[in-house]
Structures are given as structure tokens and as C-alpha cells.
């Protein structure tokens, strides 16, 4: 699950609240072991996602770098190329 969390810092355009929340959700899922919490755990689960998303937004706002922002499209193409090399042209693991 956690490998789906993408780097969100130093991109142009900056990460959206939706992207930050999605990363927080993946983190809470990994930490708790629940993909979907039971009704008894839903409030705690959702509260944790909200708190982690808020903390993540604060962190991203306070970080500083001298590096130029990364371009989302360039990074997406690099990821596609890595996947092609790793899994072949169809994007599936070879046997």
C-alpha cells in the first residue's frame, strides 16, 4: 500500500488537498491494516486521516529548498519508462 504514496513536495503546480488527503488515507490504511474500517472504527480512522492530512499540509507549507520545482508531466513520463523497463511494454510483470 505505501508504495502508492507519491512524493508531494517541490512540484509545479503544488500538491492539491486531494493528493495530500489520498496520501494520508494510504498511510492510515497501511498503519491500521484496514482498507475500509468497520463501523466501530470508522470515526477513529477518519479522524486519523484528517489529522495526518492537516499535519502533512503544514509540513509541505514549511519546507524550503533551493532546487527548482519538478514538472509533474516529466516525472510521470519517467515513472512510465521505469515501469516499461521493469515490466515490459504492456506494464505487467513478465513470467
PDB file of N, CA and C in Angstrom:
ATOM      1  N   UNK A   1       0.804  -1.198   0.000  1.00  0.00           N
ATOM      2  CA  UNK A   1       0.000   0.000   0.000  1.00  0.00           C
ATOM      3  C   UNK A   1       0.849   1.264   0.000  1.00  0.00           C
ATOM      4  N   UNK A   2       1.852   1.350   0.853  1.00  0.00           N
ATOM      5  CA  UNK A   2       2.604   2.597   0.998  1.00  0.00           C
ATOM      6  C   UNK A   2       3.383   2.973  -0.248  1.00  0.00           C
ATOM      7  N   UNK A   3       3.716   2.010  -1.074  1.00  0.00           N
ATOM      8  CA  UNK A   3       4.464   2.382  -2.275  1.00  0.00           C
ATOM      9  C   UNK A   3       3.619   3.240  -3.204  1.00  0.00           C
ATOM     10  N   UNK A   4       2.312   3.296  -2.953  1.00  0.00           N
ATOM     11  CA  UNK A   4       1.437   4.148  -3.753  1.00  0.00           C
ATOM     12  C   UNK A   4       1.491   5.605  -3.320  1.00  0.00           C
ATOM     13  N   UNK A   5       2.102   5.892  -2.191  1.00  0.00           N
ATOM     14  CA  UNK A   5       2.222   7.270  -1.736  1.00  0.00           C
ATOM     15  C   UNK A   5       3.328   7.925  -2.544  1.00  0.00           C
ATOM     16  N   UNK A   6       2.971   8.987  -3.220  1.00  0.00           N
ATOM     17  CA  UNK A   6       3.920   9.689  -4.080  1.00  0.00           C
ATOM     18  C   UNK A   6       4.503  10.892  -3.364  1.00  0.00           C
ATOM     19  N   UNK A   7       5.698  11.273  -3.761  1.00  0.00           N
ATOM     20  CA  UNK A   7       6.296  12.484  -3.238  1.00  0.00           C
ATOM     21  C   UNK A   7       5.418  13.655  -3.652  1.00  0.00           C
ATOM     22  N   UNK A   8       5.126  14.541  -2.721  1.00  0.00           N
ATOM     23  CA  UNK A   8       4.240  15.659  -2.996  1.00  0.00           C
ATOM     24  C   UNK A   8       4.947  17.009  -2.922  1.00  0.00           C
ATOM     25  N   UNK A   9       6.159  17.023  -2.431  1.00  0.00           N
ATOM     26  CA  UNK A   9       6.863  18.288  -2.227  1.00  0.00           C
ATOM     27  C   UNK A   9       7.647  18.714  -3.462  1.00  0.00           C
ATOM     28  N   UNK A  10       7.688  20.008  -3.676  1.00  0.00           N
ATOM     29  CA  UNK A  10       8.509  20.658  -4.694  1.00  0.00           C
ATOM     30  C   UNK A  10       8.071  20.295  -6.115  1.00  0.00           C
ATOM     31  N   UNK A  11       6.772  20.372  -6.343  1.00  0.00           N
ATOM     32  CA  UNK A  11       6.227  20.173  -7.679  1.00  0.00           C
ATOM     33  C   UNK A  11       5.534  21.442  -8.145  1.00  0.00           C
ATOM     34  N   UNK A  12       5.523  21.612  -9.430  1.00  0.00           N
ATOM     35  CA  UNK A  12       4.789  22.714 -10.042  1.00  0.00           C
ATOM     36  C   UNK A  12       3.765  22.125 -10.986  1.00  0.00           C
ATOM     37  N   UNK A  13       2.490  22.299 -10.782  1.00  0.00           N
ATOM     38  CA  UNK A  13       1.867  23.022  -9.681  1.00  0.00           C
ATOM     39  C   UNK A  13       1.960  22.233  -8.385  1.00  0.00           C
ATOM     40  N   UNK A  14       1.810  22.922  -7.246  1.00  0.00           N
ATOM     41  CA  UNK A  14       1.927  22.255  -5.947  1.00  0.00           C
ATOM     42  C   UNK A  14       0.855  21.179  -5.751  1.00  0.00           C
ATOM     43  N   UNK A  15       1.100  20.321  -4.787  1.00  0.00           N
ATOM     44  CA  UNK A  15       0.146  19.252  -4.467  1.00  0.00           C
ATOM     45  C   UNK A  15      -1.194  19.849  -4.045  1.00  0.00           C
ATOM     46  N   UNK A  16      -2.249  19.189  -4.449  1.00  0.00           N
ATOM     47  CA  UNK A  16      -3.594  19.633  -4.084  1.00  0.00           C
ATOM     48  C   UNK A  16      -3.987  19.015  -2.742  1.00  0.00           C
ATOM     49  N   UNK A  17      -5.025  19.565  -2.144  1.00  0.00           N
ATOM     50  CA  UNK A  17      -5.531  18.987  -0.890  1.00  0.00           C
ATOM     51  C   UNK A  17      -5.972  17.533  -1.108  1.00  0.00           C
ATOM     52  N   UNK A  18      -6.519  17.263  -2.268  1.00  0.00           N
ATOM     53  CA  UNK A  18      -6.941  15.898  -2.581  1.00  0.00           C
ATOM     54  C   UNK A  18      -5.770  14.927  -2.613  1.00  0.00           C
ATOM     55  N   UNK A  19      -4.658  15.352  -3.176  1.00  0.00           N
ATOM     56  CA  UNK A  19      -3.463  14.498  -3.222  1.00  0.00           C
ATOM     57  C   UNK A  19      -2.903  14.262  -1.818  1.00  0.00           C
ATOM     58  N   UNK A  20      -2.905  15.314  -1.008  1.00  0.00           N
ATOM     59  CA  UNK A  20      -2.412  15.177   0.367  1.00  0.00           C
ATOM     60  C   UNK A  20      -3.328  14.238   1.148  1.00  0.00           C
ATOM     61  N   UNK A  21      -4.630  14.392   0.982  1.00  0.00           N
ATOM     62  CA  UNK A  21      -5.573  13.527   1.688  1.00  0.00           C
ATOM     63  C   UNK A  21      -5.442  12.070   1.227  1.00  0.00           C
ATOM     64  N   UNK A  22      -5.240  11.861  -0.066  1.00  0.00           N
ATOM     65  CA  UNK A  22      -5.066  10.496  -0.573  1.00  0.00           C
ATOM     66  C   UNK A  22      -3.825   9.844   0.035  1.00  0.00           C
ATOM     67  N   UNK A  23      -2.750  10.604   0.179  1.00  0.00           N
ATOM     68  CA  UNK A  23      -1.540  10.071   0.798  1.00  0.00           C
ATOM     69  C   UNK A  23      -1.788   9.751   2.269  1.00  0.00           C
ATOM     70  N   UNK A  24      -2.533  10.623   2.957  1.00  0.00           N
ATOM     71  CA  UNK A  24      -2.864  10.378   4.370  1.00  0.00           C
ATOM     72  C   UNK A  24      -3.721   9.123   4.508  1.00  0.00           C
ATOM     73  N   UNK A  25      -4.670   8.961   3.608  1.00  0.00           N
ATOM     74  CA  UNK A  25      -5.527   7.772   3.627  1.00  0.00           C
ATOM     75  C   UNK A  25      -4.699   6.506   3.437  1.00  0.00           C
ATOM     76  N   UNK A  26      -3.782   6.509   2.476  1.00  0.00           N
ATOM     77  CA  UNK A  26      -2.924   5.341   2.253  1.00  0.00           C
ATOM     78  C   UNK A  26      -2.082   5.038   3.492  1.00  0.00           C
ATOM     79  N   UNK A  27      -1.577   6.091   4.133  1.00  0.00           N
ATOM     80  CA  UNK A  27      -0.766   5.898   5.335  1.00  0.00           C
ATOM     81  C   UNK A  27      -1.595   5.260   6.447  1.00  0.00           C
ATOM     82  N   UNK A  28      -2.793   5.781   6.682  1.00  0.00           N
ATOM     83  CA  UNK A  28      -3.651   5.236   7.743  1.00  0.00           C
ATOM     84  C   UNK A  28      -4.065   3.808   7.412  1.00  0.00           C
ATOM     85  N   UNK A  29      -4.339   3.528   6.152  1.00  0.00           N
ATOM     86  CA  UNK A  29      -4.667   2.151   5.758  1.00  0.00           C
ATOM     87  C   UNK A  29      -3.509   1.207   6.072  1.00  0.00           C
ATOM     88  N   UNK A  30      -2.315   1.626   5.745  1.00  0.00           N
ATOM     89  CA  UNK A  30      -1.148   0.783   5.992  1.00  0.00           C
ATOM     90  C   UNK A  30      -0.932   0.592   7.484  1.00  0.00           C
ATOM     91  N   UNK A  31      -1.003   1.677   8.214  1.00  0.00           N
ATOM     92  CA  UNK A  31      -0.749   1.642   9.647  1.00  0.00           C
ATOM     93  C   UNK A  31      -1.779   0.790  10.387  1.00  0.00           C
ATOM     94  N   UNK A  32      -3.052   0.933  10.002  1.00  0.00           N
ATOM     95  CA  UNK A  32      -4.123   0.231  10.707  1.00  0.00           C
ATOM     96  C   UNK A  32      -4.338  -1.198  10.204  1.00  0.00           C
ATOM     97  N   UNK A  33      -3.968  -1.433   8.953  1.00  0.00           N
ATOM     98  CA  UNK A  33      -4.240  -2.737   8.365  1.00  0.00           C
ATOM     99  C   UNK A  33      -5.636  -2.842   7.792  1.00  0.00           C
ATOM    100  N   UNK A  34      -6.404  -1.756   7.831  1.00  0.00           N
ATOM    101  CA  UNK A  34      -7.765  -1.737   7.298  1.00  0.00           C
ATOM    102  C   UNK A  34      -7.797  -1.019   5.966  1.00  0.00           C
ATOM    103  N   UNK A  35      -8.416  -1.638   4.968  1.00  0.00           N
ATOM    104  CA  UNK A  35      -8.696  -0.920   3.731  1.00  0.00           C
ATOM    105  C   UNK A  35      -9.940  -0.067   3.942  1.00  0.00           C
ATOM    106  N   UNK A  36     -10.947  -0.656   4.553  1.00  0.00           N
ATOM    107  CA  UNK A  36     -12.161   0.029   4.986  1.00  0.00           C
ATOM    108  C   UNK A  36     -12.380  -0.361   6.440  1.00  0.00           C
ATOM    109  N   UNK A  37     -12.449   0.609   7.359  1.00  0.00           N
ATOM    110  CA  UNK A  37     -12.659   0.257   8.758  1.00  0.00           C
ATOM    111  C   UNK A  37     -14.089  -0.197   9.011  1.00  0.00           C
ATOM    112  N   UNK A  38     -14.281  -0.944  10.078  1.00  0.00           N
ATOM    113  CA  UNK A  38     -15.628  -1.330  10.486  1.00  0.00           C
ATOM    114  C   UNK A  38     -16.355  -0.089  10.986  1.00  0.00           C
ATOM    115  N   UNK A  39     -17.650  -0.209  11.160  1.00  0.00           N
ATOM    116  CA  UNK A  39     -18.439   0.926  11.665  1.00  0.00           C
ATOM    117  C   UNK A  39     -17.926   1.377  13.033  1.00  0.00           C
ATOM    118  N   UNK A  40     -17.474   0.425  13.847  1.00  0.00           N
ATOM    119  CA  UNK A  40     -16.972   0.754  15.178  1.00  0.00           C
ATOM    120  C   UNK A  40     -15.674   1.563  15.115  1.00  0.00           C
ATOM    121  N   UNK A  41     -14.902   1.407  14.044  1.00  0.00           N
ATOM    122  CA  UNK A  41     -13.608   2.091  13.918  1.00  0.00           C
ATOM    123  C   UNK A  41     -13.622   3.252  12.933  1.00  0.00           C
ATOM    124  N   UNK A  42     -14.721   3.473  12.251  1.00  0.00           N
ATOM    125  CA  UNK A  42     -14.769   4.485  11.179  1.00  0.00           C
ATOM    126  C   UNK A  42     -14.442   5.885  11.680  1.00  0.00           C
ATOM    127  N   UNK A  43     -14.988   6.282  12.819  1.00  0.00           N
ATOM    128  CA  UNK A  43     -14.737   7.632  13.329  1.00  0.00           C
ATOM    129  C   UNK A  43     -13.261   7.839  13.643  1.00  0.00           C
ATOM    130  N   UNK A  44     -12.642   6.874  14.313  1.00  0.00           N
ATOM    131  CA  UNK A  44     -11.220   6.978  14.637  1.00  0.00           C
ATOM    132  C   UNK A  44     -10.365   6.979  13.379  1.00  0.00           C
ATOM    133  N   UNK A  45     -10.710   6.136  12.435  1.00  0.00           N
ATOM    134  CA  UNK A  45      -9.990   6.026  11.172  1.00  0.00           C
ATOM    135  C   UNK A  45     -10.042   7.361  10.410  1.00  0.00           C
ATOM    136  N   UNK A  46     -11.241   7.906  10.254  1.00  0.00           N
ATOM    137  CA  UNK A  46     -11.415   9.163   9.521  1.00  0.00           C
ATOM    138  C   UNK A  46     -10.765  10.333  10.240  1.00  0.00           C
ATOM    139  N   UNK A  47     -10.822  10.337  11.558  1.00  0.00           N
ATOM    140  CA  UNK A  47     -10.162  11.386  12.341  1.00  0.00           C
ATOM    141  C   UNK A  47      -8.650  11.337  12.114  1.00  0.00           C
ATOM    142  N   UNK A  48      -8.080  10.138  12.094  1.00  0.00           N
ATOM    143  CA  UNK A  48      -6.641   9.985  11.845  1.00  0.00           C
ATOM    144  C   UNK A  48      -6.275  10.487  10.451  1.00  0.00           C
ATOM    145  N   UNK A  49      -7.085  10.168   9.451  1.00  0.00           N
ATOM    146  CA  UNK A  49      -6.820  10.656   8.094  1.00  0.00           C
ATOM    147  C   UNK A  49      -6.830  12.177   8.072  1.00  0.00           C
ATOM    148  N   UNK A  50      -7.823  12.782   8.716  1.00  0.00           N
ATOM    149  CA  UNK A  50      -7.916  14.248   8.753  1.00  0.00           C
ATOM    150  C   UNK A  50      -6.702  14.868   9.439  1.00  0.00           C
ATOM    151  N   UNK A  51      -6.303  14.304  10.578  1.00  0.00           N
ATOM    152  CA  UNK A  51      -5.170  14.844  11.329  1.00  0.00           C
ATOM    153  C   UNK A  51      -3.859  14.697  10.562  1.00  0.00           C
ATOM    154  N   UNK A  52      -3.666  13.575   9.929  1.00  0.00           N
ATOM    155  CA  UNK A  52      -2.432  13.361   9.162  1.00  0.00           C
ATOM    156  C   UNK A  52      -2.408  14.256   7.927  1.00  0.00           C
ATOM    157  N   UNK A  53      -3.538  14.424   7.276  1.00  0.00           N
ATOM    158  CA  UNK A  53      -3.602  15.321   6.122  1.00  0.00           C
ATOM    159  C   UNK A  53      -3.276  16.753   6.547  1.00  0.00           C
ATOM    160  N   UNK A  54      -3.813  17.207   7.679  1.00  0.00           N
ATOM    161  CA  UNK A  54      -3.542  18.562   8.166  1.00  0.00           C
ATOM    162  C   UNK A  54      -2.064  18.731   8.505  1.00  0.00           C
ATOM    163  N   UNK A  55      -1.496  17.742   9.185  1.00  0.00           N
ATOM    164  CA  UNK A  55      -0.073  17.807   9.525  1.00  0.00           C
ATOM    165  C   UNK A  55       0.788  17.796   8.268  1.00  0.00           C
ATOM    166  N   UNK A  56       0.390  17.026   7.279  1.00  0.00           N
ATOM    167  CA  UNK A  56       1.139  16.949   6.022  1.00  0.00           C
ATOM    168  C   UNK A  56       1.096  18.284   5.279  1.00  0.00           C
ATOM    169  N   UNK A  57      -0.076  18.922   5.257  1.00  0.00           N
ATOM    170  CA  UNK A  57      -0.188  20.228   4.610  1.00  0.00           C
ATOM    171  C   UNK A  57       0.703  21.263   5.299  1.00  0.00           C
ATOM    172  N   UNK A  58       0.742  21.228   6.636  1.00  0.00           N
ATOM    173  CA  UNK A  58       1.623  22.141   7.384  1.00  0.00           C
ATOM    174  C   UNK A  58       3.080  21.886   7.032  1.00  0.00           C
ATOM    175  N   UNK A  59       3.448  20.620   6.987  1.00  0.00           N
ATOM    176  CA  UNK A  59       4.823  20.266   6.648  1.00  0.00           C
ATOM    177  C   UNK A  59       5.198  20.770   5.264  1.00  0.00           C
ATOM    178  N   UNK A  60       4.355  20.495   4.285  1.00  0.00           N
ATOM    179  CA  UNK A  60       4.643  20.919   2.913  1.00  0.00           C
ATOM    180  C   UNK A  60       4.755  22.437   2.806  1.00  0.00           C
ATOM    181  N   UNK A  61       3.955  23.161   3.591  1.00  0.00           N
ATOM    182  CA  UNK A  61       3.991  24.630   3.555  1.00  0.00           C
ATOM    183  C   UNK A  61       5.268  25.184   4.177  1.00  0.00           C
ATOM    184  N   UNK A  62       5.849  24.463   5.133  1.00  0.00           N
ATOM    185  CA  UNK A  62       7.022  24.965   5.855  1.00  0.00           C
ATOM    186  C   UNK A  62       8.352  24.527   5.255  1.00  0.00           C
ATOM    187  N   UNK A  63       8.360  23.487   4.426  1.00  0.00           N
ATOM    188  CA  UNK A  63       9.615  23.013   3.844  1.00  0.00           C
ATOM    189  C   UNK A  63      10.199  24.056   2.895  1.00  0.00           C
ATOM    190  N   UNK A  64      11.525  24.105   2.859  1.00  0.00           N
ATOM    191  CA  UNK A  64      12.219  25.038   1.975  1.00  0.00           C
ATOM    192  C   UNK A  64      13.268  24.279   1.168  1.00  0.00           C
ATOM    193  N   UNK A  65      13.484  24.716  -0.060  1.00  0.00           N
ATOM    194  CA  UNK A  65      14.502  24.111  -0.906  1.00  0.00           C
ATOM    195  C   UNK A  65      15.012  25.138  -1.904  1.00  0.00           C
ATOM    196  N   UNK A  66      16.238  24.941  -2.353  1.00  0.00           N
ATOM    197  CA  UNK A  66      16.799  25.768  -3.413  1.00  0.00           C
ATOM    198  C   UNK A  66      16.656  25.087  -4.768  1.00  0.00           C
ATOM    199  N   UNK A  67      16.226  23.835  -4.755  1.00  0.00           N
ATOM    200  CA  UNK A  67      16.074  23.074  -6.001  1.00  0.00           C
ATOM    201  C   UNK A  67      14.880  23.606  -6.791  1.00  0.00           C
ATOM    202  N   UNK A  68      14.990  23.610  -8.101  1.00  0.00           N
ATOM    203  CA  UNK A  68      13.843  24.062  -8.898  1.00  0.00           C
ATOM    204  C   UNK A  68      12.700  23.052  -8.775  1.00  0.00           C
ATOM    205  N   UNK A  69      11.450  23.530  -8.865  1.00  0.00           N
ATOM    206  CA  UNK A  69      10.312  22.604  -8.766  1.00  0.00           C
ATOM    207  C   UNK A  69      10.337  21.589  -9.898  1.00  0.00           C
ATOM    208  N   UNK A  70       9.875  20.389  -9.580  1.00  0.00           N
ATOM    209  CA  UNK A  70       9.785  19.323 -10.579  1.00  0.00           C
ATOM    210  C   UNK A  70       8.511  19.509 -11.388  1.00  0.00           C
ATOM    211  N   UNK A  71       8.564  19.094 -12.626  1.00  0.00           N
ATOM    212  CA  UNK A  71       7.412  19.147 -13.514  1.00  0.00           C
ATOM    213  C   UNK A  71       6.661  17.827 -13.400  1.00  0.00           C
ATOM    214  N   UNK A  72       5.379  17.890 -13.124  1.00  0.00           N
ATOM    215  CA  UNK A  72       4.585  16.667 -12.932  1.00  0.00           C
ATOM    216  C   UNK A  72       4.581  15.776 -14.163  1.00  0.00           C
ATOM    217  N   UNK A  73       4.469  16.364 -15.333  1.00  0.00           N
ATOM    218  CA  UNK A  73       4.414  15.563 -16.568  1.00  0.00           C
ATOM    219  C   UNK A  73       5.739  14.853 -16.820  1.00  0.00           C
ATOM    220  N   UNK A  74       6.843  15.541 -16.584  1.00  0.00           N
ATOM    221  CA  UNK A  74       8.167  14.923 -16.760  1.00  0.00           C
ATOM    222  C   UNK A  74       8.329  13.750 -15.806  1.00  0.00           C
ATOM    223  N   UNK A  75       7.936  13.939 -14.555  1.00  0.00           N
ATOM    224  CA  UNK A  75       8.046  12.860 -13.565  1.00  0.00           C
ATOM    225  C   UNK A  75       7.138  11.691 -13.925  1.00  0.00           C
ATOM    226  N   UNK A  76       5.956  11.967 -14.452  1.00  0.00           N
ATOM    227  CA  UNK A  76       5.026  10.911 -14.866  1.00  0.00           C
ATOM    228  C   UNK A  76       5.638  10.083 -15.997  1.00  0.00           C
ATOM    229  N   UNK A  77       6.276  10.756 -16.948  1.00  0.00           N
ATOM    230  CA  UNK A  77       6.920  10.053 -18.060  1.00  0.00           C
ATOM    231  C   UNK A  77       8.094   9.201 -17.568  1.00  0.00           C
ATOM    232  N   UNK A  78       8.859   9.720 -16.625  1.00  0.00           N
ATOM    233  CA  UNK A  78       9.962   8.935 -16.053  1.00  0.00           C
ATOM    234  C   UNK A  78       9.438   7.666 -15.390  1.00  0.00           C
ATOM    235  N   UNK A  79       8.324   7.797 -14.654  1.00  0.00           N
ATOM    236  CA  UNK A  79       7.725   6.639 -13.998  1.00  0.00           C
ATOM    237  C   UNK A  79       7.239   5.621 -15.025  1.00  0.00           C
ATOM    238  N   UNK A  80       6.620   6.090 -16.086  1.00  0.00           N
ATOM    239  CA  UNK A  80       6.164   5.174 -17.145  1.00  0.00           C
ATOM    240  C   UNK A  80       7.341   4.431 -17.760  1.00  0.00           C
ATOM    241  N   UNK A  81       8.431   5.132 -17.990  1.00  0.00           N
ATOM    242  CA  UNK A  81       9.617   4.499 -18.567  1.00  0.00           C
ATOM    243  C   UNK A  81      10.203   3.461 -17.621  1.00  0.00           C
ATOM    244  N   UNK A  82      10.268   3.791 -16.327  1.00  0.00           N
ATOM    245  CA  UNK A  82      10.749   2.805 -15.343  1.00  0.00           C
ATOM    246  C   UNK A  82       9.864   1.571 -15.353  1.00  0.00           C
ATOM    247  N   UNK A  83       8.551   1.762 -15.436  1.00  0.00           N
ATOM    248  CA  UNK A  83       7.625   0.627 -15.484  1.00  0.00           C
ATOM    249  C   UNK A  83       7.804  -0.193 -16.757  1.00  0.00           C
ATOM    250  N   UNK A  84       8.032   0.478 -17.890  1.00  0.00           N
ATOM    251  CA  UNK A  84       8.269  -0.254 -19.143  1.00  0.00           C
ATOM    252  C   UNK A  84       9.520  -1.121 -19.035  1.00  0.00           C
ATOM    253  N   UNK A  85      10.587  -0.560 -18.470  1.00  0.00           N
ATOM    254  CA  UNK A  85      11.831  -1.339 -18.312  1.00  0.00           C
ATOM    255  C   UNK A  85      11.624  -2.490 -17.347  1.00  0.00           C
ATOM    256  N   UNK A  86      10.871  -2.250 -16.292  1.00  0.00           N
ATOM    257  CA  UNK A  86      10.678  -3.269 -15.269  1.00  0.00           C
ATOM    258  C   UNK A  86       9.705  -4.369 -15.704  1.00  0.00           C
ATOM    259  N   UNK A  87       8.581  -3.978 -16.307  1.00  0.00           N
ATOM    260  CA  UNK A  87       7.518  -4.922 -16.593  1.00  0.00           C
ATOM    261  C   UNK A  87       7.327  -5.232 -18.064  1.00  0.00           C
ATOM    262  N   UNK A  88       7.993  -4.543 -18.928  1.00  0.00           N
ATOM    263  CA  UNK A  88       7.788  -4.753 -20.347  1.00  0.00           C
ATOM    264  C   UNK A  88       6.795  -3.754 -20.892  1.00  0.00           C
ATOM    265  N   UNK A  89       6.543  -3.834 -22.160  1.00  0.00           N
ATOM    266  CA  UNK A  89       5.720  -2.850 -22.865  1.00  0.00           C
ATOM    267  C   UNK A  89       4.280  -2.795 -22.353  1.00  0.00           C
ATOM    268  N   UNK A  90       3.703  -3.913 -21.941  1.00  0.00           N
ATOM    269  CA  UNK A  90       2.292  -3.920 -21.527  1.00  0.00           C
ATOM    270  C   UNK A  90       2.119  -3.464 -20.086  1.00  0.00           C
ATOM    271  N   UNK A  91       3.208  -3.277 -19.331  1.00  0.00           N
ATOM    272  CA  UNK A  91       3.090  -2.806 -17.964  1.00  0.00           C
ATOM    273  C   UNK A  91       2.743  -3.889 -16.956  1.00  0.00           C
ATOM    274  N   UNK A  92       2.899  -5.157 -17.369  1.00  0.00           N
ATOM    275  CA  UNK A  92       2.635  -6.262 -16.448  1.00  0.00           C
ATOM    276  C   UNK A  92       3.941  -7.018 -16.218  1.00  0.00           C
ATOM    277  N   UNK A  93       4.101  -7.580 -15.032  1.00  0.00           N
ATOM    278  CA  UNK A  93       5.318  -8.344 -14.770  1.00  0.00           C
ATOM    279  C   UNK A  93       5.464  -9.510 -15.729  1.00  0.00           C
ATOM    280  N   UNK A  94       6.683  -9.705 -16.207  1.00  0.00           N
ATOM    281  CA  UNK A  94       6.929 -10.843 -17.100  1.00  0.00           C
ATOM    282  C   UNK A  94       7.142 -12.103 -16.286  1.00  0.00           C
ATOM    283  N   UNK A  95       6.761 -13.252 -16.855  1.00  0.00           N
ATOM    284  CA  UNK A  95       6.880 -14.526 -16.119  1.00  0.00           C
ATOM    285  C   UNK A  95       8.256 -15.103 -16.258  1.00  0.00           C
TER     286      UNK A  95
END
